[in-house]
C-alpha atoms as a PDB file:
ATOM      1  CA  UNK A   1     -28.955  -7.545 -20.235  1.00  0.00           C
ATOM      2  CA  UNK A   2     -30.677  -9.784 -17.688  1.00  0.00           C
ATOM      3  CA  UNK A   3     -29.982 -12.834 -19.869  1.00  0.00           C
ATOM      4  CA  UNK A   4     -26.299 -11.859 -20.151  1.00  0.00           C
ATOM      5  CA  UNK A   5     -26.068 -11.493 -16.378  1.00  0.00           C
ATOM      6  CA  UNK A   6     -27.669 -14.903 -15.869  1.00  0.00           C
ATOM      7  CA  UNK A   7     -25.327 -16.569 -18.365  1.00  0.00           C
ATOM      8  CA  UNK A   8     -22.203 -15.047 -16.815  1.00  0.00           C
ATOM      9  CA  UNK A   9     -23.304 -15.982 -13.308  1.00  0.00           C
ATOM     10  CA  UNK A  10     -24.132 -19.568 -14.330  1.00  0.00           C
ATOM     11  CA  UNK A  11     -20.784 -19.901 -16.111  1.00  0.00           C
ATOM     12  CA  UNK A  12     -18.944 -18.665 -13.037  1.00  0.00           C
ATOM     13  CA  UNK A  13     -20.806 -21.007 -10.688  1.00  0.00           C
ATOM     14  CA  UNK A  14     -20.205 -23.964 -13.010  1.00  0.00           C
ATOM     15  CA  UNK A  15     -16.488 -23.232 -13.027  1.00  0.00           C
ATOM     16  CA  UNK A  16     -16.415 -23.043  -9.236  1.00  0.00           C
ATOM     17  CA  UNK A  17     -18.367 -26.289  -8.847  1.00  0.00           C
ATOM     18  CA  UNK A  18     -16.035 -27.953 -11.334  1.00  0.00           C
ATOM     19  CA  UNK A  19     -13.031 -27.327  -9.096  1.00  0.00           C
ATOM     20  CA  UNK A  20     -11.520 -30.716  -8.262  1.00  0.00           C
ATOM     21  CA  UNK A  21     -12.015 -31.996  -4.717  1.00  0.00           C
ATOM     22  CA  UNK A  22      -9.560 -34.897  -5.135  1.00  0.00           C
ATOM     23  CA  UNK A  23      -6.082 -35.220  -6.664  1.00  0.00           C
ATOM     24  CA  UNK A  24      -6.011 -35.116 -10.441  1.00  0.00           C
ATOM     25  CA  UNK A  25      -3.308 -35.195 -13.077  1.00  0.00           C
ATOM     26  CA  UNK A  26      -1.853 -31.682 -13.172  1.00  0.00           C
ATOM     27  CA  UNK A  27      -0.771 -29.964 -16.349  1.00  0.00           C
ATOM     28  CA  UNK A  28       2.739 -28.645 -15.701  1.00  0.00           C
ATOM     29  CA  UNK A  29       5.773 -27.439 -17.665  1.00  0.00           C
ATOM     30  CA  UNK A  30       3.632 -26.616 -20.709  1.00  0.00           C
ATOM     31  CA  UNK A  31       4.248 -22.879 -20.989  1.00  0.00           C
ATOM     32  CA  UNK A  32       7.115 -20.416 -21.015  1.00  0.00           C
ATOM     33  CA  UNK A  33       7.669 -16.751 -20.099  1.00  0.00           C
ATOM     34  CA  UNK A  34       6.384 -17.467 -16.608  1.00  0.00           C
ATOM     35  CA  UNK A  35       7.046 -13.907 -15.475  1.00  0.00           C
ATOM     36  CA  UNK A  36       3.788 -12.956 -17.220  1.00  0.00           C
ATOM     37  CA  UNK A  37       1.865 -14.896 -14.522  1.00  0.00           C
ATOM     38  CA  UNK A  38       3.419 -13.354 -11.397  1.00  0.00           C
ATOM     39  CA  UNK A  39       1.428 -10.824  -9.346  1.00  0.00           C
ATOM     40  CA  UNK A  40       3.301  -7.580  -9.921  1.00  0.00           C
ATOM     41  CA  UNK A  41       1.276  -5.238  -7.699  1.00  0.00           C
ATOM     42  CA  UNK A  42       1.129  -5.145  -3.910  1.00  0.00           C
ATOM     43  CA  UNK A  43      -2.612  -4.407  -3.851  1.00  0.00           C
ATOM     44  CA  UNK A  44      -3.718  -7.377  -6.021  1.00  0.00           C
ATOM     45  CA  UNK A  45      -1.158  -9.702  -4.415  1.00  0.00           C
ATOM     46  CA  UNK A  46      -2.471  -8.872  -0.941  1.00  0.00           C
ATOM     47  CA  UNK A  47      -5.949  -9.901  -2.153  1.00  0.00           C
ATOM     48  CA  UNK A  48      -4.714 -13.287  -3.305  1.00  0.00           C
ATOM     49  CA  UNK A  49      -4.758 -12.227  -6.945  1.00  0.00           C
ATOM     50  CA  UNK A  50      -8.557 -11.746  -6.849  1.00  0.00           C
ATOM     51  CA  UNK A  51      -8.295  -8.414  -8.638  1.00  0.00           C
ATOM     52  CA  UNK A  52     -10.142  -8.822 -11.914  1.00  0.00           C
ATOM     53  CA  UNK A  53     -13.295  -7.064 -10.672  1.00  0.00           C
ATOM     54  CA  UNK A  54     -11.532  -4.735  -8.219  1.00  0.00           C
ATOM     55  CA  UNK A  55      -8.824  -2.979 -10.237  1.00  0.00           C
ATOM     56  CA  UNK A  56      -9.660   0.655 -10.973  1.00  0.00           C
ATOM     57  CA  UNK A  57      -6.273   2.247 -11.627  1.00  0.00           C
ATOM     58  CA  UNK A  58      -3.204   1.708 -13.815  1.00  0.00           C
ATOM     59  CA  UNK A  59      -2.377  -1.628 -12.141  1.00  0.00           C
ATOM     60  CA  UNK A  60      -5.672  -3.081 -13.435  1.00  0.00           C
ATOM     61  CA  UNK A  61      -4.302  -3.616 -16.936  1.00  0.00           C
ATOM     62  CA  UNK A  62      -2.125  -6.501 -15.665  1.00  0.00           C
ATOM     63  CA  UNK A  63      -5.287  -8.401 -14.595  1.00  0.00           C
ATOM     64  CA  UNK A  64      -8.271  -7.089 -16.544  1.00  0.00           C
ATOM     65  CA  UNK A  65      -7.647  -4.198 -18.942  1.00  0.00           C
ATOM     66  CA  UNK A  66     -11.327  -3.215 -18.740  1.00  0.00           C
ATOM     67  CA  UNK A  67     -10.633  -2.046 -15.181  1.00  0.00           C
ATOM     68  CA  UNK A  68      -8.696   1.036 -16.269  1.00  0.00           C
ATOM     69  CA  UNK A  69     -11.978   2.518 -17.532  1.00  0.00           C
ATOM     70  CA  UNK A  70     -13.112   2.752 -13.895  1.00  0.00           C
ATOM     71  CA  UNK A  71     -10.264   5.135 -13.063  1.00  0.00           C
ATOM     72  CA  UNK A  72     -11.640   8.202 -11.294  1.00  0.00           C
ATOM     73  CA  UNK A  73      -8.745  10.560 -12.041  1.00  0.00           C
ATOM     74  CA  UNK A  74      -7.510  12.108 -15.280  1.00  0.00           C
ATOM     75  CA  UNK A  75      -4.147  10.330 -15.113  1.00  0.00           C
ATOM     76  CA  UNK A  76      -2.747   7.500 -13.025  1.00  0.00           C
ATOM     77  CA  UNK A  77       0.792   6.178 -12.523  1.00  0.00           C
ATOM     78  CA  UNK A  78       1.805   2.857 -10.980  1.00  0.00           C
ATOM     79  CA  UNK A  79       5.254   1.444 -10.147  1.00  0.00           C
ATOM     80  CA  UNK A  80       5.988  -1.741  -8.202  1.00  0.00           C
ATOM     81  CA  UNK A  81       8.823  -3.941  -6.977  1.00  0.00           C
ATOM     82  CA  UNK A  82       8.462  -7.662  -6.240  1.00  0.00           C
ATOM     83  CA  UNK A  83      11.134  -9.543  -4.279  1.00  0.00           C
ATOM     84  CA  UNK A  84      10.422 -12.998  -5.689  1.00  0.00           C
ATOM     85  CA  UNK A  85      11.969 -16.333  -4.678  1.00  0.00           C
ATOM     86  CA  UNK A  86      15.645 -17.341  -5.233  1.00  0.00           C
ATOM     87  CA  UNK A  87      16.754 -13.716  -5.646  1.00  0.00           C
ATOM     88  CA  UNK A  88      14.506 -13.082  -8.660  1.00  0.00           C
ATOM     89  CA  UNK A  89      13.109  -9.561  -8.831  1.00  0.00           C
ATOM     90  CA  UNK A  90      10.272  -8.169 -10.920  1.00  0.00           C
ATOM     91  CA  UNK A  91       9.697  -4.494 -11.647  1.00  0.00           C
ATOM     92  CA  UNK A  92       6.475  -3.171 -13.123  1.00  0.00           C
ATOM     93  CA  UNK A  93       5.188   0.218 -14.180  1.00  0.00           C
ATOM     94  CA  UNK A  94       2.055   1.523 -15.869  1.00  0.00           C
ATOM     95  CA  UNK A  95       0.467   4.807 -16.879  1.00  0.00           C
ATOM     96  CA  UNK A  96      -3.140   5.522 -17.869  1.00  0.00           C
ATOM     97  CA  UNK A  97      -4.628   8.661 -19.401  1.00  0.00           C
ATOM     98  CA  UNK A  98      -8.346   9.389 -19.401  1.00  0.00           C
ATOM     99  CA  UNK A  99      -9.617  10.773 -22.720  1.00  0.00           C
ATOM    100  CA  UNK A 100     -13.218  11.231 -21.608  1.00  0.00           C
ATOM    101  CA  UNK A 101     -15.810   9.806 -23.991  1.00  0.00           C
ATOM    102  CA  UNK A 102     -13.009   8.417 -26.166  1.00  0.00           C
ATOM    103  CA  UNK A 103     -11.981   5.983 -23.431  1.00  0.00           C
ATOM    104  CA  UNK A 104      -8.800   5.410 -21.443  1.00  0.00           C
ATOM    105  CA  UNK A 105      -5.389   4.547 -22.875  1.00  0.00           C
ATOM    106  CA  UNK A 106      -2.542   2.980 -20.906  1.00  0.00           C
ATOM    107  CA  UNK A 107       1.018   1.756 -21.326  1.00  0.00           C
ATOM    108  CA  UNK A 108       2.686  -0.965 -19.245  1.00  0.00           C
ATOM    109  CA  UNK A 109       6.116  -2.419 -18.566  1.00  0.00           C
ATOM    110  CA  UNK A 110       7.372  -5.516 -16.724  1.00  0.00           C
ATOM    111  CA  UNK A 111      11.061  -6.373 -16.355  1.00  0.00           C
ATOM    112  CA  UNK A 112      12.660  -9.461 -14.820  1.00  0.00           C
ATOM    113  CA  UNK A 113      15.972  -9.605 -12.991  1.00  0.00           C
ATOM    114  CA  UNK A 114      17.022 -13.256 -12.544  1.00  0.00           C
ATOM    115  CA  UNK A 115      20.096 -12.405 -10.481  1.00  0.00           C
ATOM    116  CA  UNK A 116      23.601 -13.709 -11.019  1.00  0.00           C
ATOM    117  CA  UNK A 117      23.845 -17.012 -12.882  1.00  0.00           C
ATOM    118  CA  UNK A 118      27.316 -18.485 -13.476  1.00  0.00           C
ATOM    119  CA  UNK A 119      27.743 -20.426 -16.697  1.00  0.00           C
ATOM    120  CA  UNK A 120      29.713 -23.675 -16.901  1.00  0.00           C
ATOM    121  CA  UNK A 121      31.044 -25.950 -19.636  1.00  0.00           C
ATOM    122  CA  UNK A 122      32.112 -29.596 -19.517  1.00  0.00           C
ATOM    123  CA  UNK A 123      35.899 -29.834 -19.472  1.00  0.00           C
ATOM    124  CA  UNK A 124      38.669 -32.295 -18.639  1.00  0.00           C
ATOM    125  CA  UNK A 125      39.464 -30.856 -15.223  1.00  0.00           C
ATOM    126  CA  UNK A 126      39.363 -32.121 -11.652  1.00  0.00           C
ATOM    127  CA  UNK A 127      35.823 -30.771 -11.237  1.00  0.00           C
ATOM    128  CA  UNK A 128      34.739 -31.889 -14.685  1.00  0.00           C
ATOM    129  CA  UNK A 129      33.790 -28.387 -15.787  1.00  0.00           C
ATOM    130  CA  UNK A 130      35.032 -24.832 -16.111  1.00  0.00           C
ATOM    131  CA  UNK A 131      33.213 -21.590 -15.477  1.00  0.00           C
ATOM    132  CA  UNK A 132      32.424 -19.488 -18.534  1.00  0.00           C
ATOM    133  CA  UNK A 133      31.349 -16.280 -16.783  1.00  0.00           C
ATOM    134  CA  UNK A 134      27.958 -14.819 -15.985  1.00  0.00           C
ATOM    135  CA  UNK A 135      25.038 -15.932 -18.140  1.00  0.00           C
ATOM    136  CA  UNK A 136      23.084 -13.042 -19.623  1.00  0.00           C
ATOM    137  CA  UNK A 137      19.430 -13.745 -18.827  1.00  0.00           C
ATOM    138  CA  UNK A 138      16.429 -11.468 -18.580  1.00  0.00           C
ATOM    139  CA  UNK A 139      12.945 -10.730 -19.800  1.00  0.00           C
ATOM    140  CA  UNK A 140      10.550  -7.852 -20.314  1.00  0.00           C
ATOM    141  CA  UNK A 141       7.135  -7.030 -21.718  1.00  0.00           C
ATOM    142  CA  UNK A 142       5.841  -3.653 -22.866  1.00  0.00           C
ATOM    143  CA  UNK A 143       2.179  -3.117 -23.565  1.00  0.00           C
ATOM    144  CA  UNK A 144      -0.487  -0.752 -24.840  1.00  0.00           C
ATOM    145  CA  UNK A 145      -3.995  -0.924 -23.381  1.00  0.00           C
ATOM    146  CA  UNK A 146      -7.348   0.608 -24.187  1.00  0.00           C
ATOM    147  CA  UNK A 147     -10.642   0.472 -22.292  1.00  0.00           C
ATOM    148  CA  UNK A 148     -13.985   2.170 -22.606  1.00  0.00           C
ATOM    149  CA  UNK A 149     -17.257   2.128 -20.736  1.00  0.00           C
ATOM    150  CA  UNK A 150     -19.591   1.106 -23.553  1.00  0.00           C
ATOM    151  CA  UNK A 151     -22.795   1.633 -21.529  1.00  0.00           C
ATOM    152  CA  UNK A 152     -23.585   2.428 -17.910  1.00  0.00           C
ATOM    153  CA  UNK A 153     -23.439  -1.326 -17.264  1.00  0.00           C
ATOM    154  CA  UNK A 154     -20.804  -2.739 -19.612  1.00  0.00           C
ATOM    155  CA  UNK A 155     -17.055  -2.045 -19.917  1.00  0.00           C
ATOM    156  CA  UNK A 156     -14.636  -3.527 -22.437  1.00  0.00           C
ATOM    157  CA  UNK A 157     -10.826  -3.443 -22.561  1.00  0.00           C
ATOM    158  CA  UNK A 158      -7.832  -4.843 -24.413  1.00  0.00           C
ATOM    159  CA  UNK A 159      -4.068  -4.995 -23.870  1.00  0.00           C
ATOM    160  CA  UNK A 160      -1.437  -5.858 -26.497  1.00  0.00           C
ATOM    161  CA  UNK A 161       2.046  -6.776 -25.241  1.00  0.00           C
ATOM    162  CA  UNK A 162       5.424  -7.197 -26.866  1.00  0.00           C
ATOM    163  CA  UNK A 163       7.244  -9.869 -24.834  1.00  0.00           C
ATOM    164  CA  UNK A 164      10.938 -10.749 -24.922  1.00  0.00           C
ATOM    165  CA  UNK A 165      13.121 -13.238 -23.065  1.00  0.00           C
ATOM    166  CA  UNK A 166      16.783 -14.142 -23.445  1.00  0.00           C
ATOM    167  CA  UNK A 167      18.468 -17.064 -21.691  1.00  0.00           C
ATOM    168  CA  UNK A 168      22.146 -16.852 -22.576  1.00  0.00           C
ATOM    169  CA  UNK A 169      23.803 -18.728 -25.429  1.00  0.00           C
ATOM    170  CA  UNK A 170      24.319 -22.315 -26.574  1.00  0.00           C
ATOM    171  CA  UNK A 171      27.866 -23.358 -27.471  1.00  0.00           C
ATOM    172  CA  UNK A 172      28.099 -26.152 -30.050  1.00  0.00           C
ATOM    173  CA  UNK A 173      31.093 -28.529 -30.569  1.00  0.00           C
ATOM    174  CA  UNK A 174      32.110 -26.696 -33.741  1.00  0.00           C
ATOM    175  CA  UNK A 175      32.480 -23.481 -31.739  1.00  0.00           C
ATOM    176  CA  UNK A 176      29.292 -21.859 -33.020  1.00  0.00           C
ATOM    177  CA  UNK A 177      27.234 -19.938 -30.461  1.00  0.00           C
ATOM    178  CA  UNK A 178      23.490 -19.379 -30.770  1.00  0.00           C
ATOM    179  CA  UNK A 179      21.594 -16.936 -28.597  1.00  0.00           C
ATOM    180  CA  UNK A 180      18.549 -18.280 -26.779  1.00  0.00           C
ATOM    181  CA  UNK A 181      15.988 -15.531 -27.221  1.00  0.00           C
ATOM    182  CA  UNK A 182      12.336 -15.220 -28.180  1.00  0.00           C
ATOM    183  CA  UNK A 183      10.097 -12.264 -28.948  1.00  0.00           C
ATOM    184  CA  UNK A 184       6.485 -11.916 -29.946  1.00  0.00           C
ATOM    185  CA  UNK A 185       3.088 -10.422 -29.273  1.00  0.00           C
ATOM    186  CA  UNK A 186       0.545 -11.464 -26.653  1.00  0.00           C
ATOM    187  CA  UNK A 187      -2.971 -10.186 -26.082  1.00  0.00           C
ATOM    188  CA  UNK A 188      -5.257  -9.621 -23.088  1.00  0.00           C
ATOM    189  CA  UNK A 189      -9.009  -8.993 -23.239  1.00  0.00           C
ATOM    190  CA  UNK A 190     -11.444  -8.226 -20.442  1.00  0.00           C
ATOM    191  CA  UNK A 191     -15.009  -7.214 -19.607  1.00  0.00           C
ATOM    192  CA  UNK A 192     -16.881  -5.905 -16.588  1.00  0.00           C
ATOM    193  CA  UNK A 193     -20.664  -6.016 -16.335  1.00  0.00           C
ATOM    194  CA  UNK A 194     -22.872  -4.341 -13.718  1.00  0.00           C
ATOM    195  CA  UNK A 195     -26.285  -6.038 -13.737  1.00  0.00           C
ATOM    196  CA  UNK A 196     -27.833  -3.298 -11.577  1.00  0.00           C
ATOM    197  CA  UNK A 197     -27.855  -5.008  -8.178  1.00  0.00           C
ATOM    198  CA  UNK A 198     -26.074  -2.516  -5.914  1.00  0.00           C
ATOM    199  CA  UNK A 199     -22.301  -2.645  -6.573  1.00  0.00           C
ATOM    200  CA  UNK A 200     -22.268  -6.270  -7.746  1.00  0.00           C
ATOM    201  CA  UNK A 201     -20.257  -6.807 -10.920  1.00  0.00           C
ATOM    202  CA  UNK A 202     -19.258  -9.858 -12.896  1.00  0.00           C
ATOM    203  CA  UNK A 203     -16.881 -10.312 -15.799  1.00  0.00           C
ATOM    204  CA  UNK A 204     -14.198 -12.288 -17.536  1.00  0.00           C
ATOM    205  CA  UNK A 205     -10.682 -11.922 -18.881  1.00  0.00           C
ATOM    206  CA  UNK A 206      -8.312 -13.723 -21.234  1.00  0.00           C
ATOM    207  CA  UNK A 207      -4.618 -13.152 -20.617  1.00  0.00           C
ATOM    208  CA  UNK A 208      -1.532 -14.037 -22.689  1.00  0.00           C
ATOM    209  CA  UNK A 209      -3.322 -15.165 -25.837  1.00  0.00           C
ATOM    210  CA  UNK A 210      -0.629 -15.607 -28.487  1.00  0.00           C
ATOM    211  CA  UNK A 211       0.862 -17.847 -31.170  1.00  0.00           C
ATOM    212  CA  UNK A 212       3.619 -20.275 -30.185  1.00  0.00           C
ATOM    213  CA  UNK A 213       7.073 -18.995 -29.258  1.00  0.00           C
ATOM    214  CA  UNK A 214      10.148 -20.997 -30.204  1.00  0.00           C
ATOM    215  CA  UNK A 215      13.677 -21.500 -28.831  1.00  0.00           C
ATOM    216  CA  UNK A 216      15.676 -22.985 -31.729  1.00  0.00           C
ATOM    217  CA  UNK A 217      13.857 -26.326 -32.235  1.00  0.00           C
ATOM    218  CA  UNK A 218      11.489 -26.289 -29.254  1.00  0.00           C
ATOM    219  CA  UNK A 219       8.136 -24.481 -29.496  1.00  0.00           C
ATOM    220  CA  UNK A 220       6.020 -23.613 -26.473  1.00  0.00           C
ATOM    221  CA  UNK A 221       2.910 -21.721 -25.458  1.00  0.00           C
ATOM    222  CA  UNK A 222       2.575 -18.648 -23.280  1.00  0.00           C
ATOM    223  CA  UNK A 223       0.688 -18.987 -19.956  1.00  0.00           C
ATOM    224  CA  UNK A 224      -2.774 -18.472 -21.431  1.00  0.00           C
ATOM    225  CA  UNK A 225      -5.289 -17.902 -18.631  1.00  0.00           C
ATOM    226  CA  UNK A 226      -9.093 -17.636 -18.651  1.00  0.00           C
ATOM    227  CA  UNK A 227     -10.717 -16.029 -15.620  1.00  0.00           C
ATOM    228  CA  UNK A 228     -14.306 -15.494 -14.489  1.00  0.00           C
ATOM    229  CA  UNK A 229     -14.903 -13.307 -11.473  1.00  0.00           C
ATOM    230  CA  UNK A 230     -17.272 -11.222  -9.416  1.00  0.00           C
ATOM    231  CA  UNK A 231     -16.966  -8.510  -6.804  1.00  0.00           C
ATOM    232  CA  UNK A 232     -19.199  -6.545  -4.464  1.00  0.00           C
ATOM    233  CA  UNK A 233     -19.024  -4.083  -1.591  1.00  0.00           C
ATOM    234  CA  UNK A 234     -20.507  -5.976   1.361  1.00  0.00           C
ATOM    235  CA  UNK A 235     -21.329  -2.693   3.099  1.00  0.00           C
ATOM    236  CA  UNK A 236     -24.020  -2.114   0.468  1.00  0.00           C
ATOM    237  CA  UNK A 237     -26.189  -3.911   2.994  1.00  0.00           C
ATOM    238  CA  UNK A 238     -25.097  -1.615   5.852  1.00  0.00           C
ATOM    239  CA  UNK A 239     -25.960   1.921   4.637  1.00  0.00           C
ATOM    240  CA  UNK A 240     -24.801   3.530   7.877  1.00  0.00           C
ATOM    241  CA  UNK A 241     -21.199   2.516   7.127  1.00  0.00           C
ATOM    242  CA  UNK A 242     -21.062   3.396   3.437  1.00  0.00           C
ATOM    243  CA  UNK A 243     -20.107   7.044   3.863  1.00  0.00           C
ATOM    244  CA  UNK A 244     -16.858   6.288   5.665  1.00  0.00           C
ATOM    245  CA  UNK A 245     -16.049   2.627   4.938  1.00  0.00           C
ATOM    246  CA  UNK A 246     -16.160  -0.094   2.315  1.00  0.00           C
ATOM    247  CA  UNK A 247     -15.509  -3.839   2.337  1.00  0.00           C
ATOM    248  CA  UNK A 248     -15.097  -5.375  -1.100  1.00  0.00           C
ATOM    249  CA  UNK A 249     -15.198  -9.141  -1.534  1.00  0.00           C
ATOM    250  CA  UNK A 250     -13.836 -10.583  -4.783  1.00  0.00           C
ATOM    251  CA  UNK A 251     -13.655 -14.127  -6.132  1.00  0.00           C
ATOM    252  CA  UNK A 252     -11.897 -15.202  -9.341  1.00  0.00           C
ATOM    253  CA  UNK A 253     -12.197 -18.656 -10.897  1.00  0.00           C
ATOM    254  CA  UNK A 254      -9.037 -19.261 -12.916  1.00  0.00           C
ATOM    255  CA  UNK A 255      -8.456 -21.728 -15.743  1.00  0.00           C
ATOM    256  CA  UNK A 256      -4.736 -21.694 -16.708  1.00  0.00           C
ATOM    257  CA  UNK A 257      -3.241 -23.542 -19.654  1.00  0.00           C
ATOM    258  CA  UNK A 258      -0.513 -25.124 -17.509  1.00  0.00           C
ATOM    259  CA  UNK A 259      -2.372 -26.217 -14.369  1.00  0.00           C
ATOM    260  CA  UNK A 260      -5.730 -27.385 -13.077  1.00  0.00           C
ATOM    261  CA  UNK A 261      -8.456 -24.888 -12.150  1.00  0.00           C
ATOM    262  CA  UNK A 262      -7.801 -22.480  -9.301  1.00  0.00           C
ATOM    263  CA  UNK A 263      -9.746 -20.100  -7.083  1.00  0.00           C
ATOM    264  CA  UNK A 264      -8.569 -16.687  -5.850  1.00  0.00           C
ATOM    265  CA  UNK A 265     -10.445 -15.112  -2.944  1.00  0.00           C
ATOM    266  CA  UNK A 266      -9.714 -11.635  -1.623  1.00  0.00           C
ATOM    267  CA  UNK A 267     -11.077  -8.843   0.530  1.00  0.00           C
ATOM    268  CA  UNK A 268     -10.274  -5.153   0.801  1.00  0.00           C
ATOM    269  CA  UNK A 269     -11.425  -2.888   3.647  1.00  0.00           C
ATOM    270  CA  UNK A 270     -11.152   0.896   3.280  1.00  0.00           C
ATOM    271  CA  UNK A 271     -11.592   3.450   6.053  1.00  0.00           C
ATOM    272  CA  UNK A 272     -12.299   7.050   4.973  1.00  0.00           C
ATOM    273  CA  UNK A 273     -10.772   6.176   1.583  1.00  0.00           C
ATOM    274  CA  UNK A 274      -7.379   6.658   3.241  1.00  0.00           C
ATOM    275  CA  UNK A 275      -6.312   3.387   4.912  1.00  0.00           C
ATOM    276  CA  UNK A 276      -6.819  -0.080   3.478  1.00  0.00           C
ATOM    277  CA  UNK A 277      -6.466  -3.553   4.983  1.00  0.00           C
ATOM    278  CA  UNK A 278      -6.354  -6.508   2.610  1.00  0.00           C
ATOM    279  CA  UNK A 279      -6.201 -10.292   2.762  1.00  0.00           C
ATOM    280  CA  UNK A 280      -6.565 -13.130   0.311  1.00  0.00           C
ATOM    281  CA  UNK A 281      -6.056 -16.787  -0.387  1.00  0.00           C
ATOM    282  CA  UNK A 282      -5.097 -18.804  -3.483  1.00  0.00           C
ATOM    283  CA  UNK A 283      -6.652 -22.255  -3.689  1.00  0.00           C
ATOM    284  CA  UNK A 284      -5.044 -25.229  -5.499  1.00  0.00           C
ATOM    285  CA  UNK A 285      -1.451 -23.961  -5.562  1.00  0.00           C
ATOM    286  CA  UNK A 286       1.546 -26.077  -4.597  1.00  0.00           C
ATOM    287  CA  UNK A 287       3.113 -23.369  -2.424  1.00  0.00           C
ATOM    288  CA  UNK A 288       1.203 -20.079  -2.712  1.00  0.00           C
ATOM    289  CA  UNK A 289      -1.694 -19.570  -0.332  1.00  0.00           C
ATOM    290  CA  UNK A 290      -2.344 -16.887   2.254  1.00  0.00           C
ATOM    291  CA  UNK A 291      -1.526 -13.235   1.635  1.00  0.00           C
ATOM    292  CA  UNK A 292      -2.169  -9.908   3.359  1.00  0.00           C
ATOM    293  CA  UNK A 293      -1.277  -6.262   3.043  1.00  0.00           C
ATOM    294  CA  UNK A 294      -1.984  -2.626   3.798  1.00  0.00           C
ATOM    295  CA  UNK A 295      -2.422   0.514   1.757  1.00  0.00           C
ATOM    296  CA  UNK A 296      -2.379   4.248   2.322  1.00  0.00           C
ATOM    297  CA  UNK A 297      -3.927   6.876   0.091  1.00  0.00           C
ATOM    298  CA  UNK A 298      -3.377  10.594   0.596  1.00  0.00           C
ATOM    299  CA  UNK A 299      -4.997  13.366  -1.426  1.00  0.00           C
ATOM    300  CA  UNK A 300      -3.616  16.882  -1.623  1.00  0.00           C
ATOM    301  CA  UNK A 301      -5.026  20.068  -3.104  1.00  0.00           C
ATOM    302  CA  UNK A 302      -5.427  20.275  -6.853  1.00  0.00           C
ATOM    303  CA  UNK A 303      -6.668  16.698  -7.241  1.00  0.00           C
ATOM    304  CA  UNK A 304      -3.237  15.118  -6.785  1.00  0.00           C
ATOM    305  CA  UNK A 305      -3.148  11.861  -4.806  1.00  0.00           C
ATOM    306  CA  UNK A 306      -0.449   9.448  -3.644  1.00  0.00           C
ATOM    307  CA  UNK A 307      -0.889   5.710  -2.974  1.00  0.00           C
ATOM    308  CA  UNK A 308       1.516   3.359  -1.188  1.00  0.00           C
ATOM    309  CA  UNK A 309       0.774  -0.366  -0.882  1.00  0.00           C
ATOM    310  CA  UNK A 310       2.572  -3.281   0.724  1.00  0.00           C
ATOM    311  CA  UNK A 311       1.838  -7.008   0.576  1.00  0.00           C
ATOM    312  CA  UNK A 312       3.152 -10.180   2.188  1.00  0.00           C
ATOM    313  CA  UNK A 313       2.630 -13.563   0.533  1.00  0.00           C
ATOM    314  CA  UNK A 314       3.363 -16.950   2.071  1.00  0.00           C
ATOM    315  CA  UNK A 315       5.109 -19.288  -0.377  1.00  0.00           C
ATOM    316  CA  UNK A 316       5.377 -22.400   1.744  1.00  0.00           C
ATOM    317  CA  UNK A 317       8.855 -23.947   1.595  1.00  0.00           C
ATOM    318  CA  UNK A 318      10.252 -20.787  -0.001  1.00  0.00           C
ATOM    319  CA  UNK A 319      10.901 -17.468   1.678  1.00  0.00           C
ATOM    320  CA  UNK A 320       7.891 -15.179   1.918  1.00  0.00           C
ATOM    321  CA  UNK A 321       7.460 -12.677  -0.911  1.00  0.00           C
ATOM    322  CA  UNK A 322       7.256  -8.947  -0.231  1.00  0.00           C
ATOM    323  CA  UNK A 323       5.930  -6.371  -2.653  1.00  0.00           C
ATOM    324  CA  UNK A 324       5.841  -2.579  -2.545  1.00  0.00           C
ATOM    325  CA  UNK A 325       3.837  -0.424  -4.963  1.00  0.00           C
ATOM    326  CA  UNK A 326       3.662   3.336  -5.306  1.00  0.00           C
ATOM    327  CA  UNK A 327       1.060   5.197  -7.324  1.00  0.00           C
ATOM    328  CA  UNK A 328      -0.006   8.722  -8.090  1.00  0.00           C
ATOM    329  CA  UNK A 329      -3.190  10.154  -9.590  1.00  0.00           C
ATOM    330  CA  UNK A 330      -3.863  13.638 -10.856  1.00  0.00           C
END
């Protein structure tokens, strides 16, 4: 176990050190189904996406499916709404059931609403085109996840997703129309390892592993992403505060298929396990950067609890992005 901890730590540090400090050629426009990359939860978004080692409820399966094994309740429900840029909206939902020694099983859903898009066609008119009505566009992904704590130090999880996207139709000169749509399977894998030093944990995840998708003649990859991360409660070193407060620091080193390496840094402060303050930063993004948010958790009799989270993310030249998530555990 000590050797595994050392190897994971060295790998993480090497990835961080390898982050470019000067401009390099960026890999862009190499993947499709970009909605699979967007932060869909207010809690992880507020922490700058540094959620791989922090997630411990149904929302964890969107970042590291191993995290759902850390769920402390029998069942957990998560729903979220993201007001993205240019009137795009993302909705997400997840449910996890704890089956004891058999592990935890979850289901997930993401839907994309791209707003109103008016179609046009070249025509011999004053404007040079005519409108053809609204273009039917949309996307969704449904998934099934499983995670289990293999030992008191090691947790393993997986998430299989059925992804679909449709982008209207193509009209050919002979009058034939062909629908632009793709469907297929994608896979997520994740681990969490506790080496035994207080609450420190380290792990990795692979998201959106899949074969190529294809629109008619053009094939493309999904946004495959490798992530190494660690997390720890800083108040482990202040025992007098541990009973009523916690301050988790998380760092994720991200290697995406369609960009250069990135770093996500986030913090989450809890008071009496009822009120949370969060902040984070994404390094090496064109527009995304600082984020912040708050959370409220309220427990009632019978083990039923309600969670409400909000996040604000600065997107540079675009309007800021707001997210609201609601959860329940029982």
